[in-house]
Amino acid sequence: MSDLPVRPDTPCVAVCSTTFDEVCRGCGRTVVEVAHWVSMSAEAKERVWQRILAQGYPRRNT
């Protein structure tokens, strides 16, 4: 059993936009993180989750 927190499958909130830079305005992931999400390890995903939550993501109303 893993010590990682239980999280949704993805931080995606269907508010996808990388208009001004390489970071999604909805979930806070980079374009590379979005592209590789399905192949990332649970630990790598958790590191992304920790970063985006600390930055105030995911955002549903952006």
C-alpha atoms as a PDB file:
ATOM      1  CA  MET A   1       0.000   0.000   0.000  1.00  0.00           C
ATOM      2  CA  SER A   2       1.286   3.459  -0.895  1.00  0.00           C
ATOM      3  CA  ASP A   3       1.677   6.333   1.550  1.00  0.00           C
ATOM      4  CA  LEU A   4       0.656   8.804  -1.162  1.00  0.00           C
ATOM      5  CA  PRO A   5      -2.578  10.789  -0.677  1.00  0.00           C
ATOM      6  CA  VAL A   6      -5.680   9.691  -2.557  1.00  0.00           C
ATOM      7  CA  ARG A   7      -6.144  12.085  -5.481  1.00  0.00           C
ATOM      8  CA  PRO A   8      -8.403  12.245  -8.538  1.00  0.00           C
ATOM      9  CA  ASP A   9      -6.984  10.560 -11.653  1.00  0.00           C
ATOM     10  CA  THR A  10      -5.991  13.945 -13.056  1.00  0.00           C
ATOM     11  CA  PRO A  11      -6.009  17.579 -11.946  1.00  0.00           C
ATOM     12  CA  CYS A  12      -7.745  18.529 -15.212  1.00  0.00           C
ATOM     13  CA  VAL A  13     -10.840  20.696 -14.705  1.00  0.00           C
ATOM     14  CA  ALA A  14     -11.677  21.052 -18.426  1.00  0.00           C
ATOM     15  CA  VAL A  15     -10.580  24.704 -18.445  1.00  0.00           C
ATOM     16  CA  CYS A  16      -7.650  24.154 -20.772  1.00  0.00           C
ATOM     17  CA  SER A  17      -5.647  27.164 -21.861  1.00  0.00           C
ATOM     18  CA  THR A  18      -1.953  27.746 -22.430  1.00  0.00           C
ATOM     19  CA  THR A  19      -2.460  30.962 -24.383  1.00  0.00           C
ATOM     20  CA  PHE A  20       0.275  33.071 -22.797  1.00  0.00           C
ATOM     21  CA  ASP A  21       2.816  30.488 -21.643  1.00  0.00           C
ATOM     22  CA  GLU A  22       3.370  26.763 -21.210  1.00  0.00           C
ATOM     23  CA  VAL A  23       1.187  26.424 -18.084  1.00  0.00           C
ATOM     24  CA  CYS A  24      -2.482  25.450 -18.225  1.00  0.00           C
ATOM     25  CA  ARG A  25      -4.727  28.110 -16.679  1.00  0.00           C
ATOM     26  CA  GLY A  26      -7.114  25.442 -15.365  1.00  0.00           C
ATOM     27  CA  CYS A  27      -4.934  22.794 -13.763  1.00  0.00           C
ATOM     28  CA  GLY A  28      -1.542  24.463 -13.458  1.00  0.00           C
ATOM     29  CA  ARG A  29       0.385  21.707 -15.195  1.00  0.00           C
ATOM     30  CA  THR A  30       2.933  22.425 -17.875  1.00  0.00           C
ATOM     31  CA  VAL A  31       2.309  21.307 -21.447  1.00  0.00           C
ATOM     32  CA  VAL A  32       4.909  18.550 -20.942  1.00  0.00           C
ATOM     33  CA  GLU A  33       3.244  17.350 -17.716  1.00  0.00           C
ATOM     34  CA  VAL A  34      -0.141  17.182 -19.441  1.00  0.00           C
ATOM     35  CA  ALA A  35       1.328  15.263 -22.371  1.00  0.00           C
ATOM     36  CA  HIS A  36       3.126  12.735 -20.165  1.00  0.00           C
ATOM     37  CA  TRP A  37       0.594  12.465 -17.328  1.00  0.00           C
ATOM     38  CA  VAL A  38      -0.634   8.958 -18.188  1.00  0.00           C
ATOM     39  CA  SER A  39       2.897   7.547 -18.210  1.00  0.00           C
ATOM     40  CA  MET A  40       4.147   9.333 -15.079  1.00  0.00           C
ATOM     41  CA  SER A  41       4.769   7.362 -11.893  1.00  0.00           C
ATOM     42  CA  ALA A  42       2.511   7.899  -8.897  1.00  0.00           C
ATOM     43  CA  GLU A  43       5.375   9.666  -7.129  1.00  0.00           C
ATOM     44  CA  ALA A  44       5.965  12.034 -10.060  1.00  0.00           C
ATOM     45  CA  LYS A  45       2.243  12.816 -10.223  1.00  0.00           C
ATOM     46  CA  GLU A  46       2.228  13.523  -6.491  1.00  0.00           C
ATOM     47  CA  ARG A  47       5.093  16.007  -6.887  1.00  0.00           C
ATOM     48  CA  VAL A  48       3.056  17.798  -9.573  1.00  0.00           C
ATOM     49  CA  TRP A  49      -0.057  17.719  -7.368  1.00  0.00           C
ATOM     50  CA  GLN A  50       1.866  19.228  -4.452  1.00  0.00           C
ATOM     51  CA  ARG A  51       3.245  22.035  -6.629  1.00  0.00           C
ATOM     52  CA  ILE A  52      -0.039  22.935  -8.302  1.00  0.00           C
ATOM     53  CA  LEU A  53      -2.009  22.861  -5.048  1.00  0.00           C
ATOM     54  CA  ALA A  54       0.581  25.152  -3.431  1.00  0.00           C
ATOM     55  CA  GLN A  55       0.144  27.510  -6.402  1.00  0.00           C
ATOM     56  CA  GLY A  56      -3.657  27.607  -6.026  1.00  0.00           C
ATOM     57  CA  TYR A  57      -4.614  25.154  -8.750  1.00  0.00           C
ATOM     58  CA  PRO A  58      -6.743  23.517 -10.022  1.00  0.00           C
ATOM     59  CA  ARG A  59      -8.995  26.472 -10.845  1.00  0.00           C
ATOM     60  CA  ARG A  60     -12.440  25.983 -12.260  1.00  0.00           C
ATOM     61  CA  ASN A  61     -13.253  29.645 -12.860  1.00  0.00           C
ATOM     62  CA  THR A  62     -10.274  31.133 -14.702  1.00  0.00           C
END
